[in-house]
């Protein structure tokens, strides 16, 4: 599954990452840990980085299934 990133979190992943998710699924918290390990990017573990699945912000225990669209977003600051 391809995972998209927006904001500051996009740079360490060059905008996208690919991971395999089993048919049993994987919780958002587990996906964060997998991404941190695979890509050596601890910033994905910060709670300020929000997860969206199929265009909906989801909690950490939400189970991601194959075929879902997943994106992580850093907080936005304006001036």
C-alpha atoms as a PDB file:
ATOM      1  CA  UNK A   1       0.000   0.000   0.000  1.00  0.00           C
ATOM      2  CA  UNK A   2       1.259   3.471  -0.789  1.00  0.00           C
ATOM      3  CA  UNK A   3       1.152   5.997   2.022  1.00  0.00           C
ATOM      4  CA  UNK A   4       1.111   9.735   1.412  1.00  0.00           C
ATOM      5  CA  UNK A   5       2.622  12.440   3.601  1.00  0.00           C
ATOM      6  CA  UNK A   6       1.826  16.154   3.788  1.00  0.00           C
ATOM      7  CA  UNK A   7       3.558  19.063   5.478  1.00  0.00           C
ATOM      8  CA  UNK A   8       6.932  18.746   7.180  1.00  0.00           C
ATOM      9  CA  UNK A   9       6.577  14.992   7.594  1.00  0.00           C
ATOM     10  CA  UNK A  10       6.702  14.556   3.796  1.00  0.00           C
ATOM     11  CA  UNK A  11      10.411  15.414   3.440  1.00  0.00           C
ATOM     12  CA  UNK A  12      11.893  12.380   5.257  1.00  0.00           C
ATOM     13  CA  UNK A  13       9.723  10.050   3.172  1.00  0.00           C
ATOM     14  CA  UNK A  14      10.213  11.914  -0.121  1.00  0.00           C
ATOM     15  CA  UNK A  15       6.441  12.370  -0.246  1.00  0.00           C
ATOM     16  CA  UNK A  16       5.398   8.690  -0.196  1.00  0.00           C
ATOM     17  CA  UNK A  17       6.191   5.288   1.307  1.00  0.00           C
ATOM     18  CA  UNK A  18       5.206   1.723   0.507  1.00  0.00           C
ATOM     19  CA  UNK A  19       4.389  -0.983   3.069  1.00  0.00           C
ATOM     20  CA  UNK A  20       2.593  -4.304   3.004  1.00  0.00           C
ATOM     21  CA  UNK A  21      -0.512  -4.644   5.175  1.00  0.00           C
ATOM     22  CA  UNK A  22      -1.890  -8.131   5.799  1.00  0.00           C
ATOM     23  CA  UNK A  23      -5.541  -9.008   5.270  1.00  0.00           C
ATOM     24  CA  UNK A  24      -5.935  -8.881   9.081  1.00  0.00           C
ATOM     25  CA  UNK A  25      -5.067  -5.203   8.966  1.00  0.00           C
ATOM     26  CA  UNK A  26      -2.800  -3.030  11.064  1.00  0.00           C
ATOM     27  CA  UNK A  27      -3.656  -0.327  13.600  1.00  0.00           C
ATOM     28  CA  UNK A  28      -2.506   3.214  12.859  1.00  0.00           C
ATOM     29  CA  UNK A  29      -0.145   3.011  15.861  1.00  0.00           C
ATOM     30  CA  UNK A  30       1.408  -0.157  14.415  1.00  0.00           C
ATOM     31  CA  UNK A  31       1.804   1.480  11.018  1.00  0.00           C
ATOM     32  CA  UNK A  32       3.586   4.422  12.651  1.00  0.00           C
ATOM     33  CA  UNK A  33       6.000   2.031  14.380  1.00  0.00           C
ATOM     34  CA  UNK A  34       6.586   0.129  11.132  1.00  0.00           C
ATOM     35  CA  UNK A  35       7.298   3.336   9.203  1.00  0.00           C
ATOM     36  CA  UNK A  36       9.632   4.633  11.925  1.00  0.00           C
ATOM     37  CA  UNK A  37      11.577   1.367  11.802  1.00  0.00           C
ATOM     38  CA  UNK A  38      11.635   0.854   8.017  1.00  0.00           C
ATOM     39  CA  UNK A  39      12.509   4.443   7.138  1.00  0.00           C
ATOM     40  CA  UNK A  40      14.403   5.409  10.312  1.00  0.00           C
ATOM     41  CA  UNK A  41      12.124   8.428  10.841  1.00  0.00           C
ATOM     42  CA  UNK A  42      11.055   8.962  14.458  1.00  0.00           C
ATOM     43  CA  UNK A  43       9.062  12.095  13.547  1.00  0.00           C
ATOM     44  CA  UNK A  44       6.198   9.859  12.383  1.00  0.00           C
ATOM     45  CA  UNK A  45       5.707   8.804  16.024  1.00  0.00           C
ATOM     46  CA  UNK A  46       4.796  12.323  17.189  1.00  0.00           C
ATOM     47  CA  UNK A  47       1.135  12.609  18.135  1.00  0.00           C
ATOM     48  CA  UNK A  48       0.920  15.971  16.384  1.00  0.00           C
ATOM     49  CA  UNK A  49       1.195  14.091  13.077  1.00  0.00           C
ATOM     50  CA  UNK A  50      -2.376  13.051  12.255  1.00  0.00           C
ATOM     51  CA  UNK A  51      -3.466  10.016  10.264  1.00  0.00           C
ATOM     52  CA  UNK A  52      -6.253  10.003   7.695  1.00  0.00           C
ATOM     53  CA  UNK A  53      -7.678   6.816   6.206  1.00  0.00           C
ATOM     54  CA  UNK A  54      -9.926   7.119   3.172  1.00  0.00           C
ATOM     55  CA  UNK A  55     -10.040  10.910   3.672  1.00  0.00           C
ATOM     56  CA  UNK A  56     -11.156  10.711   7.346  1.00  0.00           C
ATOM     57  CA  UNK A  57      -9.013  11.599  10.385  1.00  0.00           C
ATOM     58  CA  UNK A  58      -8.828   8.414  12.460  1.00  0.00           C
ATOM     59  CA  UNK A  59      -7.695   7.456  15.992  1.00  0.00           C
ATOM     60  CA  UNK A  60      -4.548   5.444  16.738  1.00  0.00           C
ATOM     61  CA  UNK A  61      -6.472   2.187  17.205  1.00  0.00           C
ATOM     62  CA  UNK A  62      -8.184   2.398  13.794  1.00  0.00           C
ATOM     63  CA  UNK A  63      -7.383  -0.738  11.778  1.00  0.00           C
ATOM     64  CA  UNK A  64      -6.070  -0.121   8.269  1.00  0.00           C
ATOM     65  CA  UNK A  65      -6.961  -2.748   5.661  1.00  0.00           C
ATOM     66  CA  UNK A  66      -5.398  -3.483   2.268  1.00  0.00           C
ATOM     67  CA  UNK A  67      -6.851  -1.100  -0.301  1.00  0.00           C
ATOM     68  CA  UNK A  68      -7.319   1.778   2.155  1.00  0.00           C
ATOM     69  CA  UNK A  69      -5.858   5.167   1.293  1.00  0.00           C
ATOM     70  CA  UNK A  70      -3.579   6.341   4.113  1.00  0.00           C
ATOM     71  CA  UNK A  71      -2.037   9.780   4.591  1.00  0.00           C
ATOM     72  CA  UNK A  72      -0.126  11.398   7.434  1.00  0.00           C
ATOM     73  CA  UNK A  73      -0.223  15.162   7.969  1.00  0.00           C
ATOM     74  CA  UNK A  74       1.964  17.466  10.021  1.00  0.00           C
ATOM     75  CA  UNK A  75       0.306  20.360  11.822  1.00  0.00           C
ATOM     76  CA  UNK A  76       0.023  23.514   9.765  1.00  0.00           C
ATOM     77  CA  UNK A  77       1.122  26.872  11.067  1.00  0.00           C
ATOM     78  CA  UNK A  78       0.195  30.128   9.486  1.00  0.00           C
ATOM     79  CA  UNK A  79       1.353  33.642   9.687  1.00  0.00           C
END
